[in-house]
Amino acid sequence: MELVRKGIDQLRREGLANAQKKVDNA
């Protein structure tokens, strides 16, 4: 279960980083 949680955290962080990049580019 710990690995799954870490994976979800990673996806969330990457998603936030991508969203921030899109905002910066807009």
Protein backbone atom coordinates (compact mmCIF):
# COMPACT_ATOMS: atom_id res chain seq x y z
CA MET A 1 0.00 0.00 0.00
CA GLU A 2 2.89 2.38 0.73
CA LEU A 3 4.14 2.10 -2.85
CA VAL A 4 0.68 2.92 -4.18
CA ARG A 5 0.49 5.98 -1.95
CA LYS A 6 3.92 7.16 -3.09
CA GLY A 7 2.91 6.63 -6.72
CA ILE A 8 -0.24 8.69 -6.26
CA ASP A 9 1.76 11.44 -4.53
CA GLN A 10 4.21 11.46 -7.45
CA LEU A 11 1.42 11.69 -10.03
CA ARG A 12 -0.22 14.50 -8.08
CA ARG A 13 3.05 16.41 -7.83
CA GLU A 14 3.77 15.97 -11.54
CA GLY A 15 0.22 17.04 -12.38
CA LEU A 16 0.61 20.18 -10.27
CA ALA A 17 3.97 20.95 -11.89
CA ASN A 18 2.46 20.53 -15.37
CA ALA A 19 -0.51 22.72 -14.46
CA GLN A 20 1.86 25.40 -13.14
CA LYS A 21 3.87 25.30 -16.40
CA LYS A 22 0.68 25.76 -18.40
CA VAL A 23 -0.25 28.75 -16.24
CA ASP A 24 3.22 30.26 -16.73
CA ASN A 25 2.98 29.78 -20.51
CA ALA A 26 -0.54 31.21 -20.76
